[in-house]
Amino acid sequence: MVDCNEVLREVELYLDGELPADQSRVIAEHLVTCWPCQERAEFRKALQSLVARKCSRDAIPPTLVSRVRFVIEEDTSE
């Protein structure tokens, strides 16, 4: 069985479709049964959508991407 911390570490890659099929399937199954992880995944998906809409005219600055990932990683390590 997969651990919530592991799912939250991989959820960005999952949402971006960047995981191998077997890992993606494991995370998808976990999200179906774990409401807190599902809620976090939905929040991150909404955040990605918002950033994409607001930054669609220009490329997202690499520093912004780094800062957002840092905040997300800090949040999942608590």
PDB file of N, CA and C in Angstrom:
ATOM      1  N   MET A   1       0.842  -1.189   0.000  1.00  0.00           N
ATOM      2  CA  MET A   1       0.000   0.000   0.000  1.00  0.00           C
ATOM      3  C   MET A   1       0.882   1.244   0.000  1.00  0.00           C
ATOM      4  N   VAL A   2       0.456   2.257  -0.696  1.00  0.00           N
ATOM      5  CA  VAL A   2       1.218   3.495  -0.821  1.00  0.00           C
ATOM      6  C   VAL A   2       0.914   4.417   0.360  1.00  0.00           C
ATOM      7  N   ASP A   3       1.912   5.141   0.770  1.00  0.00           N
ATOM      8  CA  ASP A   3       1.844   6.054   1.903  1.00  0.00           C
ATOM      9  C   ASP A   3       1.408   7.451   1.421  1.00  0.00           C
ATOM     10  N   CYS A   4       0.635   8.166   2.235  1.00  0.00           N
ATOM     11  CA  CYS A   4       0.151   9.501   1.860  1.00  0.00           C
ATOM     12  C   CYS A   4       1.297  10.451   1.541  1.00  0.00           C
ATOM     13  N   ASN A   5       2.366  10.400   2.323  1.00  0.00           N
ATOM     14  CA  ASN A   5       3.507  11.286   2.056  1.00  0.00           C
ATOM     15  C   ASN A   5       4.094  11.022   0.680  1.00  0.00           C
ATOM     16  N   GLU A   6       4.163   9.761   0.300  1.00  0.00           N
ATOM     17  CA  GLU A   6       4.679   9.404  -1.022  1.00  0.00           C
ATOM     18  C   GLU A   6       3.765   9.948  -2.115  1.00  0.00           C
ATOM     19  N   VAL A   7       2.466   9.812  -1.919  1.00  0.00           N
ATOM     20  CA  VAL A   7       1.497  10.320  -2.900  1.00  0.00           C
ATOM     21  C   VAL A   7       1.649  11.827  -3.041  1.00  0.00           C
ATOM     22  N   LEU A   8       1.750  12.526  -1.928  1.00  0.00           N
ATOM     23  CA  LEU A   8       1.845  13.981  -1.987  1.00  0.00           C
ATOM     24  C   LEU A   8       3.162  14.450  -2.609  1.00  0.00           C
ATOM     25  N   ARG A   9       4.211  13.666  -2.465  1.00  0.00           N
ATOM     26  CA  ARG A   9       5.481  14.008  -3.117  1.00  0.00           C
ATOM     27  C   ARG A   9       5.379  13.846  -4.636  1.00  0.00           C
ATOM     28  N   GLU A  10       4.564  12.901  -5.073  1.00  0.00           N
ATOM     29  CA  GLU A  10       4.455  12.578  -6.502  1.00  0.00           C
ATOM     30  C   GLU A  10       3.250  13.216  -7.193  1.00  0.00           C
ATOM     31  N   VAL A  11       2.384  13.881  -6.448  1.00  0.00           N
ATOM     32  CA  VAL A  11       1.117  14.336  -7.017  1.00  0.00           C
ATOM     33  C   VAL A  11       1.311  15.344  -8.154  1.00  0.00           C
ATOM     34  N   GLU A  12       2.321  16.193  -8.079  1.00  0.00           N
ATOM     35  CA  GLU A  12       2.569  17.148  -9.165  1.00  0.00           C
ATOM     36  C   GLU A  12       2.894  16.405 -10.462  1.00  0.00           C
ATOM     37  N   LEU A  13       3.774  15.426 -10.364  1.00  0.00           N
ATOM     38  CA  LEU A  13       4.128  14.639 -11.545  1.00  0.00           C
ATOM     39  C   LEU A  13       2.915  13.868 -12.055  1.00  0.00           C
ATOM     40  N   TYR A  14       2.098  13.359 -11.136  1.00  0.00           N
ATOM     41  CA  TYR A  14       0.876  12.644 -11.505  1.00  0.00           C
ATOM     42  C   TYR A  14      -0.060  13.561 -12.292  1.00  0.00           C
ATOM     43  N   LEU A  15      -0.295  14.754 -11.759  1.00  0.00           N
ATOM     44  CA  LEU A  15      -1.207  15.695 -12.412  1.00  0.00           C
ATOM     45  C   LEU A  15      -0.685  16.128 -13.780  1.00  0.00           C
ATOM     46  N   ASP A  16       0.630  16.179 -13.919  1.00  0.00           N
ATOM     47  CA  ASP A  16       1.223  16.571 -15.201  1.00  0.00           C
ATOM     48  C   ASP A  16       1.359  15.402 -16.171  1.00  0.00           C
ATOM     49  N   GLY A  17       0.964  14.196 -15.728  1.00  0.00           N
ATOM     50  CA  GLY A  17       1.065  13.025 -16.587  1.00  0.00           C
ATOM     51  C   GLY A  17       2.503  12.599 -16.839  1.00  0.00           C
ATOM     52  N   GLU A  18       3.374  12.863 -15.863  1.00  0.00           N
ATOM     53  CA  GLU A  18       4.796  12.586 -16.045  1.00  0.00           C
ATOM     54  C   GLU A  18       5.273  11.331 -15.312  1.00  0.00           C
ATOM     55  N   LEU A  19       4.362  10.557 -14.770  1.00  0.00           N
ATOM     56  CA  LEU A  19       4.741   9.323 -14.071  1.00  0.00           C
ATOM     57  C   LEU A  19       4.545   8.118 -14.980  1.00  0.00           C
ATOM     58  N   PRO A  20       5.320   7.073 -14.738  1.00  0.00           N
ATOM     59  CA  PRO A  20       5.069   5.818 -15.461  1.00  0.00           C
ATOM     60  C   PRO A  20       3.646   5.326 -15.145  1.00  0.00           C
ATOM     61  N   ALA A  21       3.080   4.570 -16.062  1.00  0.00           N
ATOM     62  CA  ALA A  21       1.685   4.122 -15.931  1.00  0.00           C
ATOM     63  C   ALA A  21       1.417   3.391 -14.621  1.00  0.00           C
ATOM     64  N   ASP A  22       2.339   2.533 -14.184  1.00  0.00           N
ATOM     65  CA  ASP A  22       2.095   1.778 -12.953  1.00  0.00           C
ATOM     66  C   ASP A  22       2.070   2.695 -11.733  1.00  0.00           C
ATOM     67  N   GLN A  23       2.968   3.668 -11.663  1.00  0.00           N
ATOM     68  CA  GLN A  23       2.958   4.613 -10.544  1.00  0.00           C
ATOM     69  C   GLN A  23       1.710   5.485 -10.589  1.00  0.00           C
ATOM     70  N   SER A  24       1.343   5.909 -11.769  1.00  0.00           N
ATOM     71  CA  SER A  24       0.153   6.741 -11.942  1.00  0.00           C
ATOM     72  C   SER A  24      -1.092   5.999 -11.474  1.00  0.00           C
ATOM     73  N   ARG A  25      -1.179   4.724 -11.792  1.00  0.00           N
ATOM     74  CA  ARG A  25      -2.325   3.912 -11.388  1.00  0.00           C
ATOM     75  C   ARG A  25      -2.387   3.791  -9.868  1.00  0.00           C
ATOM     76  N   VAL A  26      -1.248   3.583  -9.230  1.00  0.00           N
ATOM     77  CA  VAL A  26      -1.194   3.460  -7.765  1.00  0.00           C
ATOM     78  C   VAL A  26      -1.674   4.760  -7.109  1.00  0.00           C
ATOM     79  N   ILE A  27      -1.211   5.883  -7.624  1.00  0.00           N
ATOM     80  CA  ILE A  27      -1.623   7.165  -7.052  1.00  0.00           C
ATOM     81  C   ILE A  27      -3.104   7.409  -7.296  1.00  0.00           C
ATOM     82  N   ALA A  28      -3.589   7.117  -8.486  1.00  0.00           N
ATOM     83  CA  ALA A  28      -5.013   7.292  -8.788  1.00  0.00           C
ATOM     84  C   ALA A  28      -5.872   6.453  -7.849  1.00  0.00           C
ATOM     85  N   GLU A  29      -5.469   5.221  -7.606  1.00  0.00           N
ATOM     86  CA  GLU A  29      -6.220   4.356  -6.692  1.00  0.00           C
ATOM     87  C   GLU A  29      -6.204   4.914  -5.275  1.00  0.00           C
ATOM     88  N   HIS A  30      -5.067   5.442  -4.856  1.00  0.00           N
ATOM     89  CA  HIS A  30      -4.970   6.025  -3.510  1.00  0.00           C
ATOM     90  C   HIS A  30      -5.884   7.244  -3.396  1.00  0.00           C
ATOM     91  N   LEU A  31      -5.884   8.084  -4.421  1.00  0.00           N
ATOM     92  CA  LEU A  31      -6.702   9.301  -4.370  1.00  0.00           C
ATOM     93  C   LEU A  31      -8.195   8.992  -4.282  1.00  0.00           C
ATOM     94  N   VAL A  32      -8.597   7.866  -4.847  1.00  0.00           N
ATOM     95  CA  VAL A  32     -10.008   7.472  -4.777  1.00  0.00           C
ATOM     96  C   VAL A  32     -10.415   7.129  -3.340  1.00  0.00           C
ATOM     97  N   THR A  33      -9.475   6.583  -2.580  1.00  0.00           N
ATOM     98  CA  THR A  33      -9.811   6.099  -1.236  1.00  0.00           C
ATOM     99  C   THR A  33      -9.356   7.024  -0.114  1.00  0.00           C
ATOM    100  N   CYS A  34      -8.566   8.043  -0.411  1.00  0.00           N
ATOM    101  CA  CYS A  34      -8.019   8.912   0.633  1.00  0.00           C
ATOM    102  C   CYS A  34      -8.481  10.348   0.397  1.00  0.00           C
ATOM    103  N   TRP A  35      -9.466  10.765   1.167  1.00  0.00           N
ATOM    104  CA  TRP A  35     -10.047  12.091   0.976  1.00  0.00           C
ATOM    105  C   TRP A  35      -9.036  13.222   1.189  1.00  0.00           C
ATOM    106  N   PRO A  36      -8.193  13.190   2.235  1.00  0.00           N
ATOM    107  CA  PRO A  36      -7.234  14.292   2.407  1.00  0.00           C
ATOM    108  C   PRO A  36      -6.274  14.428   1.221  1.00  0.00           C
ATOM    109  N   CYS A  37      -5.778  13.331   0.703  1.00  0.00           N
ATOM    110  CA  CYS A  37      -4.884  13.390  -0.459  1.00  0.00           C
ATOM    111  C   CYS A  37      -5.635  13.857  -1.695  1.00  0.00           C
ATOM    112  N   GLN A  38      -6.861  13.402  -1.838  1.00  0.00           N
ATOM    113  CA  GLN A  38      -7.676  13.822  -2.975  1.00  0.00           C
ATOM    114  C   GLN A  38      -7.916  15.331  -2.918  1.00  0.00           C
ATOM    115  N   GLU A  39      -8.183  15.846  -1.731  1.00  0.00           N
ATOM    116  CA  GLU A  39      -8.418  17.279  -1.572  1.00  0.00           C
ATOM    117  C   GLU A  39      -7.167  18.081  -1.950  1.00  0.00           C
ATOM    118  N   ARG A  40      -6.003  17.602  -1.514  1.00  0.00           N
ATOM    119  CA  ARG A  40      -4.742  18.283  -1.863  1.00  0.00           C
ATOM    120  C   ARG A  40      -4.507  18.236  -3.361  1.00  0.00           C
ATOM    121  N   ALA A  41      -4.763  17.088  -3.975  1.00  0.00           N
ATOM    122  CA  ALA A  41      -4.563  16.948  -5.417  1.00  0.00           C
ATOM    123  C   ALA A  41      -5.495  17.892  -6.179  1.00  0.00           C
ATOM    124  N   GLU A  42      -6.726  18.002  -5.742  1.00  0.00           N
ATOM    125  CA  GLU A  42      -7.675  18.898  -6.398  1.00  0.00           C
ATOM    126  C   GLU A  42      -7.243  20.352  -6.244  1.00  0.00           C
ATOM    127  N   PHE A  43      -6.732  20.706  -5.056  1.00  0.00           N
ATOM    128  CA  PHE A  43      -6.237  22.057  -4.840  1.00  0.00           C
ATOM    129  C   PHE A  43      -5.065  22.357  -5.774  1.00  0.00           C
ATOM    130  N   ARG A  44      -4.143  21.426  -5.871  1.00  0.00           N
ATOM    131  CA  ARG A  44      -2.967  21.630  -6.726  1.00  0.00           C
ATOM    132  C   ARG A  44      -3.353  21.718  -8.193  1.00  0.00           C
ATOM    133  N   LYS A  45      -4.339  20.918  -8.583  1.00  0.00           N
ATOM    134  CA  LYS A  45      -4.814  20.971  -9.967  1.00  0.00           C
ATOM    135  C   LYS A  45      -5.450  22.338 -10.248  1.00  0.00           C
ATOM    136  N   ALA A  46      -6.242  22.839  -9.297  1.00  0.00           N
ATOM    137  CA  ALA A  46      -6.857  24.158  -9.447  1.00  0.00           C
ATOM    138  C   ALA A  46      -5.787  25.246  -9.482  1.00  0.00           C
ATOM    139  N   LEU A  47      -4.756  25.105  -8.662  1.00  0.00           N
ATOM    140  CA  LEU A  47      -3.660  26.071  -8.643  1.00  0.00           C
ATOM    141  C   LEU A  47      -2.928  26.071  -9.986  1.00  0.00           C
ATOM    142  N   GLN A  48      -2.651  24.892 -10.520  1.00  0.00           N
ATOM    143  CA  GLN A  48      -1.996  24.797 -11.827  1.00  0.00           C
ATOM    144  C   GLN A  48      -2.840  25.491 -12.900  1.00  0.00           C
ATOM    145  N   SER A  49      -4.134  25.273 -12.847  1.00  0.00           N
ATOM    146  CA  SER A  49      -5.043  25.868 -13.823  1.00  0.00           C
ATOM    147  C   SER A  49      -5.033  27.393 -13.699  1.00  0.00           C
ATOM    148  N   LEU A  50      -5.067  27.889 -12.474  1.00  0.00           N
ATOM    149  CA  LEU A  50      -5.045  29.328 -12.238  1.00  0.00           C
ATOM    150  C   LEU A  50      -3.745  29.948 -12.748  1.00  0.00           C
ATOM    151  N   VAL A  51      -2.627  29.324 -12.420  1.00  0.00           N
ATOM    152  CA  VAL A  51      -1.331  29.830 -12.880  1.00  0.00           C
ATOM    153  C   VAL A  51      -1.273  29.801 -14.409  1.00  0.00           C
ATOM    154  N   ALA A  52      -1.761  28.736 -15.003  1.00  0.00           N
ATOM    155  CA  ALA A  52      -1.748  28.636 -16.468  1.00  0.00           C
ATOM    156  C   ALA A  52      -2.588  29.744 -17.104  1.00  0.00           C
ATOM    157  N   ARG A  53      -3.753  30.027 -16.519  1.00  0.00           N
ATOM    158  CA  ARG A  53      -4.619  31.082 -17.053  1.00  0.00           C
ATOM    159  C   ARG A  53      -3.978  32.453 -16.902  1.00  0.00           C
ATOM    160  N   LYS A  54      -3.429  32.719 -15.737  1.00  0.00           N
ATOM    161  CA  LYS A  54      -2.871  34.044 -15.451  1.00  0.00           C
ATOM    162  C   LYS A  54      -1.535  34.280 -16.146  1.00  0.00           C
ATOM    163  N   CYS A  55      -0.826  33.224 -16.439  1.00  0.00           N
ATOM    164  CA  CYS A  55       0.507  33.366 -17.047  1.00  0.00           C
ATOM    165  C   CYS A  55       0.535  32.873 -18.479  1.00  0.00           C
ATOM    166  N   SER A  56      -0.618  32.750 -19.096  1.00  0.00           N
ATOM    167  CA  SER A  56      -0.668  32.139 -20.421  1.00  0.00           C
ATOM    168  C   SER A  56      -0.037  32.996 -21.511  1.00  0.00           C
ATOM    169  N   ARG A  57       0.065  34.270 -21.321  1.00  0.00           N
ATOM    170  CA  ARG A  57       0.623  35.130 -22.364  1.00  0.00           C
ATOM    171  C   ARG A  57       2.146  35.102 -22.376  1.00  0.00           C
ATOM    172  N   ASP A  58       2.725  34.911 -21.221  1.00  0.00           N
ATOM    173  CA  ASP A  58       4.174  34.899 -21.107  1.00  0.00           C
ATOM    174  C   ASP A  58       4.617  33.562 -20.521  1.00  0.00           C
ATOM    175  N   ALA A  59       5.844  33.208 -20.776  1.00  0.00           N
ATOM    176  CA  ALA A  59       6.399  32.006 -20.162  1.00  0.00           C
ATOM    177  C   ALA A  59       6.500  32.236 -18.657  1.00  0.00           C
ATOM    178  N   ILE A  60       6.265  31.187 -17.910  1.00  0.00           N
ATOM    179  CA  ILE A  60       6.371  31.295 -16.459  1.00  0.00           C
ATOM    180  C   ILE A  60       7.855  31.412 -16.108  1.00  0.00           C
ATOM    181  N   PRO A  61       8.196  32.437 -15.346  1.00  0.00           N
ATOM    182  CA  PRO A  61       9.602  32.597 -14.975  1.00  0.00           C
ATOM    183  C   PRO A  61      10.094  31.391 -14.169  1.00  0.00           C
ATOM    184  N   PRO A  62      11.264  30.880 -14.489  1.00  0.00           N
ATOM    185  CA  PRO A  62      11.797  29.719 -13.772  1.00  0.00           C
ATOM    186  C   PRO A  62      11.880  29.939 -12.260  1.00  0.00           C
ATOM    187  N   THR A  63      12.127  31.180 -11.853  1.00  0.00           N
ATOM    188  CA  THR A  63      12.205  31.456 -10.415  1.00  0.00           C
ATOM    189  C   THR A  63      10.852  31.271  -9.742  1.00  0.00           C
ATOM    190  N   LEU A  64       9.769  31.614 -10.434  1.00  0.00           N
ATOM    191  CA  LEU A  64       8.436  31.408  -9.880  1.00  0.00           C
ATOM    192  C   LEU A  64       8.144  29.921  -9.735  1.00  0.00           C
ATOM    193  N   VAL A  65       8.477  29.158 -10.747  1.00  0.00           N
ATOM    194  CA  VAL A  65       8.268  27.713 -10.700  1.00  0.00           C
ATOM    195  C   VAL A  65       9.030  27.125  -9.515  1.00  0.00           C
ATOM    196  N   SER A  66      10.272  27.536  -9.348  1.00  0.00           N
ATOM    197  CA  SER A  66      11.094  27.033  -8.237  1.00  0.00           C
ATOM    198  C   SER A  66      10.494  27.403  -6.891  1.00  0.00           C
ATOM    199  N   ARG A  67      10.034  28.624  -6.768  1.00  0.00           N
ATOM    200  CA  ARG A  67       9.454  29.063  -5.493  1.00  0.00           C
ATOM    201  C   ARG A  67       8.168  28.314  -5.167  1.00  0.00           C
ATOM    202  N   VAL A  68       7.309  28.115  -6.168  1.00  0.00           N
ATOM    203  CA  VAL A  68       6.058  27.387  -5.951  1.00  0.00           C
ATOM    204  C   VAL A  68       6.356  25.944  -5.556  1.00  0.00           C
ATOM    205  N   ARG A  69       7.269  25.295  -6.262  1.00  0.00           N
ATOM    206  CA  ARG A  69       7.628  23.915  -5.914  1.00  0.00           C
ATOM    207  C   ARG A  69       8.217  23.836  -4.506  1.00  0.00           C
ATOM    208  N   PHE A  70       9.034  24.815  -4.125  1.00  0.00           N
ATOM    209  CA  PHE A  70       9.621  24.835  -2.792  1.00  0.00           C
ATOM    210  C   PHE A  70       8.527  24.914  -1.731  1.00  0.00           C
ATOM    211  N   VAL A  71       7.560  25.798  -1.925  1.00  0.00           N
ATOM    212  CA  VAL A  71       6.463  25.950  -0.961  1.00  0.00           C
ATOM    213  C   VAL A  71       5.653  24.657  -0.878  1.00  0.00           C
ATOM    214  N   ILE A  72       5.389  24.039  -2.003  1.00  0.00           N
ATOM    215  CA  ILE A  72       4.624  22.792  -2.018  1.00  0.00           C
ATOM    216  C   ILE A  72       5.391  21.695  -1.300  1.00  0.00           C
ATOM    217  N   GLU A  73       6.680  21.582  -1.564  1.00  0.00           N
ATOM    218  CA  GLU A  73       7.489  20.556  -0.893  1.00  0.00           C
ATOM    219  C   GLU A  73       7.556  20.797   0.606  1.00  0.00           C
ATOM    220  N   GLU A  74       7.660  22.051   1.019  1.00  0.00           N
ATOM    221  CA  GLU A  74       7.668  22.369   2.441  1.00  0.00           C
ATOM    222  C   GLU A  74       6.339  21.947   3.072  1.00  0.00           C
ATOM    223  N   ASP A  75       5.247  22.200   2.368  1.00  0.00           N
ATOM    224  CA  ASP A  75       3.916  21.876   2.876  1.00  0.00           C
ATOM    225  C   ASP A  75       3.741  20.357   3.049  1.00  0.00           C
ATOM    226  N   THR A  76       4.280  19.577   2.135  1.00  0.00           N
ATOM    227  CA  THR A  76       4.105  18.129   2.217  1.00  0.00           C
ATOM    228  C   THR A  76       5.051  17.494   3.218  1.00  0.00           C
ATOM    229  N   SER A  77       6.096  18.195   3.627  1.00  0.00           N
ATOM    230  CA  SER A  77       7.038  17.608   4.583  1.00  0.00           C
ATOM    231  C   SER A  77       6.591  17.815   6.027  1.00  0.00           C
ATOM    232  N   GLU A  78       5.544  18.580   6.236  1.00  0.00           N
ATOM    233  CA  GLU A  78       5.070  18.830   7.609  1.00  0.00           C
ATOM    234  C   GLU A  78       4.277  17.676   8.149  1.00  0.00           C
TER     235      GLU A  78
END
